[in-house]
Amino acid sequence: MDEALKAKILDELEHHHVMTLATIRPDGFPQATTVNYVHDDLTLYFAANAGSQKAGNIKLNNKVSAAIASEAQNIFELRGLSLSGLAERIVDEQEAQRWSLALFRTLPQSRRLVPADPKDLAVFAITPVAISLIDYASGFGKTYLLELPKMWPAPRGGTSS
């Protein structure tokens, strides 16, 4: 793995906490929504209402894409990430609570969006397969690709798709 590129990607993940998440609807069309996230290394975590369209989409097809960037006044300063990966719902209650608390600590304003019944909150982990760093400071349209080992993650002890 290219450690210098990984460090740049981790820096981008650390400086942003909003991503556009694309899931696949039952009719085969993509659906993009905006969600807050936190990360641990290259794994991203987000929460959604368990009855939401995105949660249902992931249950049917856990392949997702995400885009992370902030607005740049100068196009040549644009920097962000695009990634593809696998999303899994965290079913272990302690692990799910740990990541939902991490989200709320990082983004306290998101607490007001929590469903009244904690069972209605679904927490997901995204394990990336490939991440592209977009860095226009290096040249217009310049991207750097980090492909992760092609290990389709086996369900972890606390997750399920």
C-alpha atoms as a PDB file:
ATOM      1  CA  MET A   1       0.000   0.000   0.000  1.00  0.00           C
ATOM      2  CA  ASP A   2       1.208   3.497  -0.828  1.00  0.00           C
ATOM      3  CA  GLU A   3       1.628   4.913   2.706  1.00  0.00           C
ATOM      4  CA  ALA A   4       2.115   8.522   1.532  1.00  0.00           C
ATOM      5  CA  LEU A   5      -1.156   8.401  -0.402  1.00  0.00           C
ATOM      6  CA  LYS A   6      -2.907   6.734   2.525  1.00  0.00           C
ATOM      7  CA  ALA A   7      -1.716   9.562   4.810  1.00  0.00           C
ATOM      8  CA  LYS A   8      -3.187  12.167   2.427  1.00  0.00           C
ATOM      9  CA  ILE A   9      -6.485  10.266   2.314  1.00  0.00           C
ATOM     10  CA  LEU A  10      -6.615  10.027   6.118  1.00  0.00           C
ATOM     11  CA  ASP A  11      -5.966  13.778   6.304  1.00  0.00           C
ATOM     12  CA  GLU A  12      -8.969  14.413   4.043  1.00  0.00           C
ATOM     13  CA  LEU A  13     -11.157  12.065   6.101  1.00  0.00           C
ATOM     14  CA  GLU A  14     -10.134  13.875   9.281  1.00  0.00           C
ATOM     15  CA  HIS A  15     -10.983  17.328   7.932  1.00  0.00           C
ATOM     16  CA  HIS A  16     -14.460  16.454   6.672  1.00  0.00           C
ATOM     17  CA  HIS A  17     -17.449  14.796   8.289  1.00  0.00           C
ATOM     18  CA  VAL A  18     -20.072  14.997   5.547  1.00  0.00           C
ATOM     19  CA  MET A  19     -20.231  12.685   2.548  1.00  0.00           C
ATOM     20  CA  THR A  20     -22.569  12.036  -0.323  1.00  0.00           C
ATOM     21  CA  LEU A  21     -23.428   8.357  -0.162  1.00  0.00           C
ATOM     22  CA  ALA A  22     -24.703   6.503  -3.230  1.00  0.00           C
ATOM     23  CA  THR A  23     -26.634   3.288  -2.726  1.00  0.00           C
ATOM     24  CA  ILE A  24     -28.481   1.137  -5.263  1.00  0.00           C
ATOM     25  CA  ARG A  25     -32.277   1.215  -5.216  1.00  0.00           C
ATOM     26  CA  PRO A  26     -34.324  -1.960  -5.799  1.00  0.00           C
ATOM     27  CA  ASP A  27     -35.066  -0.747  -9.365  1.00  0.00           C
ATOM     28  CA  GLY A  28     -31.300  -0.642 -10.076  1.00  0.00           C
ATOM     29  CA  PHE A  29     -30.958   3.150 -10.109  1.00  0.00           C
ATOM     30  CA  PRO A  30     -28.468   4.874  -7.801  1.00  0.00           C
ATOM     31  CA  GLN A  31     -29.685   7.022  -4.931  1.00  0.00           C
ATOM     32  CA  ALA A  32     -27.385   9.694  -3.481  1.00  0.00           C
ATOM     33  CA  THR A  33     -27.936  11.129  -0.004  1.00  0.00           C
ATOM     34  CA  THR A  34     -25.855  13.270   2.305  1.00  0.00           C
ATOM     35  CA  VAL A  35     -24.807  11.781   5.654  1.00  0.00           C
ATOM     36  CA  ASN A  36     -22.402  12.620   8.471  1.00  0.00           C
ATOM     37  CA  TYR A  37     -19.551  10.219   9.095  1.00  0.00           C
ATOM     38  CA  VAL A  38     -16.606   9.461  11.353  1.00  0.00           C
ATOM     39  CA  HIS A  39     -13.760   7.121  10.525  1.00  0.00           C
ATOM     40  CA  ASP A  40     -11.302   4.685  12.023  1.00  0.00           C
ATOM     41  CA  ASP A  41      -8.345   4.352   9.693  1.00  0.00           C
ATOM     42  CA  LEU A  42      -9.983   3.923   6.255  1.00  0.00           C
ATOM     43  CA  THR A  43     -13.298   2.527   7.529  1.00  0.00           C
ATOM     44  CA  LEU A  44     -16.158   5.043   7.563  1.00  0.00           C
ATOM     45  CA  TYR A  45     -19.111   4.933   9.977  1.00  0.00           C
ATOM     46  CA  PHE A  46     -22.497   6.616   9.605  1.00  0.00           C
ATOM     47  CA  ALA A  47     -25.966   6.308  11.089  1.00  0.00           C
ATOM     48  CA  ALA A  48     -29.405   6.369   9.496  1.00  0.00           C
ATOM     49  CA  ASN A  49     -32.967   5.624  10.425  1.00  0.00           C
ATOM     50  CA  ALA A  50     -33.347   1.849  10.210  1.00  0.00           C
ATOM     51  CA  GLY A  51     -36.483   2.322   8.091  1.00  0.00           C
ATOM     52  CA  SER A  52     -34.865   4.743   5.637  1.00  0.00           C
ATOM     53  CA  GLN A  53     -34.506   4.111   1.919  1.00  0.00           C
ATOM     54  CA  LYS A  54     -30.683   4.034   2.208  1.00  0.00           C
ATOM     55  CA  ALA A  55     -30.834   1.377   4.957  1.00  0.00           C
ATOM     56  CA  GLY A  56     -33.187  -0.702   2.810  1.00  0.00           C
ATOM     57  CA  ASN A  57     -30.993  -0.249  -0.246  1.00  0.00           C
ATOM     58  CA  ILE A  58     -27.907  -1.424   1.662  1.00  0.00           C
ATOM     59  CA  LYS A  59     -29.789  -4.453   2.966  1.00  0.00           C
ATOM     60  CA  LEU A  60     -30.532  -5.483  -0.636  1.00  0.00           C
ATOM     61  CA  ASN A  61     -27.139  -4.520  -2.111  1.00  0.00           C
ATOM     62  CA  ASN A  62     -24.276  -3.447   0.121  1.00  0.00           C
ATOM     63  CA  LYS A  63     -22.102  -1.989  -2.666  1.00  0.00           C
ATOM     64  CA  VAL A  64     -21.845   1.781  -2.136  1.00  0.00           C
ATOM     65  CA  SER A  65     -19.943   4.799  -3.398  1.00  0.00           C
ATOM     66  CA  ALA A  66     -19.188   8.014  -1.555  1.00  0.00           C
ATOM     67  CA  ALA A  67     -17.812  11.434  -2.378  1.00  0.00           C
ATOM     68  CA  ILE A  68     -16.209  13.775   0.158  1.00  0.00           C
ATOM     69  CA  ALA A  69     -15.056  17.321  -0.601  1.00  0.00           C
ATOM     70  CA  SER A  70     -15.504  20.905   0.439  1.00  0.00           C
ATOM     71  CA  GLU A  71     -16.224  23.844  -1.795  1.00  0.00           C
ATOM     72  CA  ALA A  72     -13.137  25.566  -3.141  1.00  0.00           C
ATOM     73  CA  GLN A  73     -13.250  29.199  -4.237  1.00  0.00           C
ATOM     74  CA  ASN A  74     -10.376  28.453  -6.608  1.00  0.00           C
ATOM     75  CA  ILE A  75     -10.897  25.322  -8.747  1.00  0.00           C
ATOM     76  CA  PHE A  76      -7.165  24.617  -8.567  1.00  0.00           C
ATOM     77  CA  GLU A  77      -7.470  24.165  -4.791  1.00  0.00           C
ATOM     78  CA  LEU A  78     -10.156  21.473  -5.048  1.00  0.00           C
ATOM     79  CA  ARG A  79      -9.311  18.383  -3.059  1.00  0.00           C
ATOM     80  CA  GLY A  80     -11.520  15.505  -2.025  1.00  0.00           C
ATOM     81  CA  LEU A  81     -12.183  11.790  -2.116  1.00  0.00           C
ATOM     82  CA  SER A  82     -14.268   9.377  -4.100  1.00  0.00           C
ATOM     83  CA  LEU A  83     -14.546   5.814  -2.870  1.00  0.00           C
ATOM     84  CA  SER A  84     -16.293   2.544  -3.505  1.00  0.00           C
ATOM     85  CA  GLY A  85     -16.824  -0.044  -0.837  1.00  0.00           C
ATOM     86  CA  LEU A  86     -19.073  -2.396   1.044  1.00  0.00           C
ATOM     87  CA  ALA A  87     -21.486  -1.184   3.720  1.00  0.00           C
ATOM     88  CA  GLU A  88     -22.489  -3.394   6.605  1.00  0.00           C
ATOM     89  CA  ARG A  89     -25.003  -2.654   9.345  1.00  0.00           C
ATOM     90  CA  ILE A  90     -23.442  -3.035  12.774  1.00  0.00           C
ATOM     91  CA  VAL A  91     -25.748  -5.343  14.699  1.00  0.00           C
ATOM     92  CA  ASP A  92     -23.703  -5.695  17.883  1.00  0.00           C
ATOM     93  CA  GLU A  93     -25.419  -3.188  20.210  1.00  0.00           C
ATOM     94  CA  GLN A  94     -22.241  -2.138  22.042  1.00  0.00           C
ATOM     95  CA  GLU A  95     -20.307  -1.550  18.822  1.00  0.00           C
ATOM     96  CA  ALA A  96     -23.242   0.337  17.282  1.00  0.00           C
ATOM     97  CA  GLN A  97     -23.543   2.498  20.389  1.00  0.00           C
ATOM     98  CA  ARG A  98     -19.801   3.164  20.382  1.00  0.00           C
ATOM     99  CA  TRP A  99     -19.920   4.491  16.810  1.00  0.00           C
ATOM    100  CA  SER A 100     -23.144   6.448  17.264  1.00  0.00           C
ATOM    101  CA  LEU A 101     -21.573   8.146  20.308  1.00  0.00           C
ATOM    102  CA  ALA A 102     -18.456   8.889  18.251  1.00  0.00           C
ATOM    103  CA  LEU A 103     -20.698  10.520  15.627  1.00  0.00           C
ATOM    104  CA  PHE A 104     -22.501  12.586  18.272  1.00  0.00           C
ATOM    105  CA  ARG A 105     -19.249  13.695  19.911  1.00  0.00           C
ATOM    106  CA  THR A 106     -17.778  14.748  16.579  1.00  0.00           C
ATOM    107  CA  LEU A 107     -21.030  16.283  15.296  1.00  0.00           C
ATOM    108  CA  PRO A 108     -23.149  17.224  18.338  1.00  0.00           C
ATOM    109  CA  GLN A 109     -25.811  18.853  16.147  1.00  0.00           C
ATOM    110  CA  SER A 110     -26.704  15.403  14.750  1.00  0.00           C
ATOM    111  CA  ARG A 111     -28.130  14.322  18.128  1.00  0.00           C
ATOM    112  CA  ARG A 112     -31.416  16.038  17.322  1.00  0.00           C
ATOM    113  CA  LEU A 113     -31.892  13.683  14.376  1.00  0.00           C
ATOM    114  CA  VAL A 114     -31.832  10.528  16.519  1.00  0.00           C
ATOM    115  CA  PRO A 115     -35.090   8.542  16.438  1.00  0.00           C
ATOM    116  CA  ALA A 116     -37.041   8.368  19.720  1.00  0.00           C
ATOM    117  CA  ASP A 117     -36.606   4.598  19.831  1.00  0.00           C
ATOM    118  CA  PRO A 118     -32.881   3.671  19.793  1.00  0.00           C
ATOM    119  CA  LYS A 119     -33.746   0.488  17.865  1.00  0.00           C
ATOM    120  CA  ASP A 120     -34.711   2.723  14.930  1.00  0.00           C
ATOM    121  CA  LEU A 121     -31.108   3.938  14.615  1.00  0.00           C
ATOM    122  CA  ALA A 122     -28.986   1.853  12.234  1.00  0.00           C
ATOM    123  CA  VAL A 123     -25.205   2.298  12.327  1.00  0.00           C
ATOM    124  CA  PHE A 124     -23.180   1.232   9.303  1.00  0.00           C
ATOM    125  CA  ALA A 125     -19.498   0.608   8.552  1.00  0.00           C
ATOM    126  CA  ILE A 126     -18.134   1.129   5.032  1.00  0.00           C
ATOM    127  CA  THR A 127     -15.054  -0.910   4.173  1.00  0.00           C
ATOM    128  CA  PRO A 128     -13.505   0.710   1.099  1.00  0.00           C
ATOM    129  CA  VAL A 129     -12.338  -1.290  -1.898  1.00  0.00           C
ATOM    130  CA  ALA A 130     -10.832   1.667  -3.777  1.00  0.00           C
ATOM    131  CA  ILE A 131     -10.307   5.314  -2.853  1.00  0.00           C
ATOM    132  CA  SER A 132      -9.459   8.067  -5.295  1.00  0.00           C
ATOM    133  CA  LEU A 133      -7.876  11.270  -3.986  1.00  0.00           C
ATOM    134  CA  ILE A 134      -8.826  14.244  -6.144  1.00  0.00           C
ATOM    135  CA  ASP A 135      -6.139  16.956  -5.955  1.00  0.00           C
ATOM    136  CA  TYR A 136      -6.442  19.758  -8.495  1.00  0.00           C
ATOM    137  CA  ALA A 137      -3.482  21.565  -6.864  1.00  0.00           C
ATOM    138  CA  SER A 138      -1.380  18.885  -8.582  1.00  0.00           C
ATOM    139  CA  GLY A 139      -3.087  19.564 -11.918  1.00  0.00           C
ATOM    140  CA  PHE A 140      -6.608  19.982 -13.255  1.00  0.00           C
ATOM    141  CA  GLY A 141      -8.487  16.700 -12.848  1.00  0.00           C
ATOM    142  CA  LYS A 142      -5.523  15.018 -11.123  1.00  0.00           C
ATOM    143  CA  THR A 143      -6.454  11.896  -9.154  1.00  0.00           C
ATOM    144  CA  TYR A 144      -4.485   9.273  -7.252  1.00  0.00           C
ATOM    145  CA  LEU A 145      -5.961   5.794  -6.803  1.00  0.00           C
ATOM    146  CA  LEU A 146      -5.495   3.641  -3.727  1.00  0.00           C
ATOM    147  CA  GLU A 147      -6.768   0.125  -4.320  1.00  0.00           C
ATOM    148  CA  LEU A 148      -7.186  -1.934  -1.206  1.00  0.00           C
ATOM    149  CA  PRO A 149      -6.705  -5.683  -1.079  1.00  0.00           C
ATOM    150  CA  LYS A 150      -9.536  -7.376  -2.945  1.00  0.00           C
ATOM    151  CA  MET A 151     -10.752  -9.120   0.162  1.00  0.00           C
ATOM    152  CA  TRP A 152     -14.508  -8.860   0.183  1.00  0.00           C
ATOM    153  CA  PRO A 153     -14.846  -8.526   3.909  1.00  0.00           C
ATOM    154  CA  ALA A 154     -16.277 -11.515   5.686  1.00  0.00           C
ATOM    155  CA  PRO A 155     -19.010 -10.387   8.068  1.00  0.00           C
ATOM    156  CA  ARG A 156     -17.325  -9.163  11.213  1.00  0.00           C
ATOM    157  CA  GLY A 157     -18.609 -10.366  14.554  1.00  0.00           C
ATOM    158  CA  GLY A 158     -20.696  -7.265  15.038  1.00  0.00           C
ATOM    159  CA  THR A 159     -21.912  -6.520  11.528  1.00  0.00           C
ATOM    160  CA  SER A 160     -24.352  -7.837   9.012  1.00  0.00           C
ATOM    161  CA  SER A 161     -25.451  -6.597   5.624  1.00  0.00           C
END
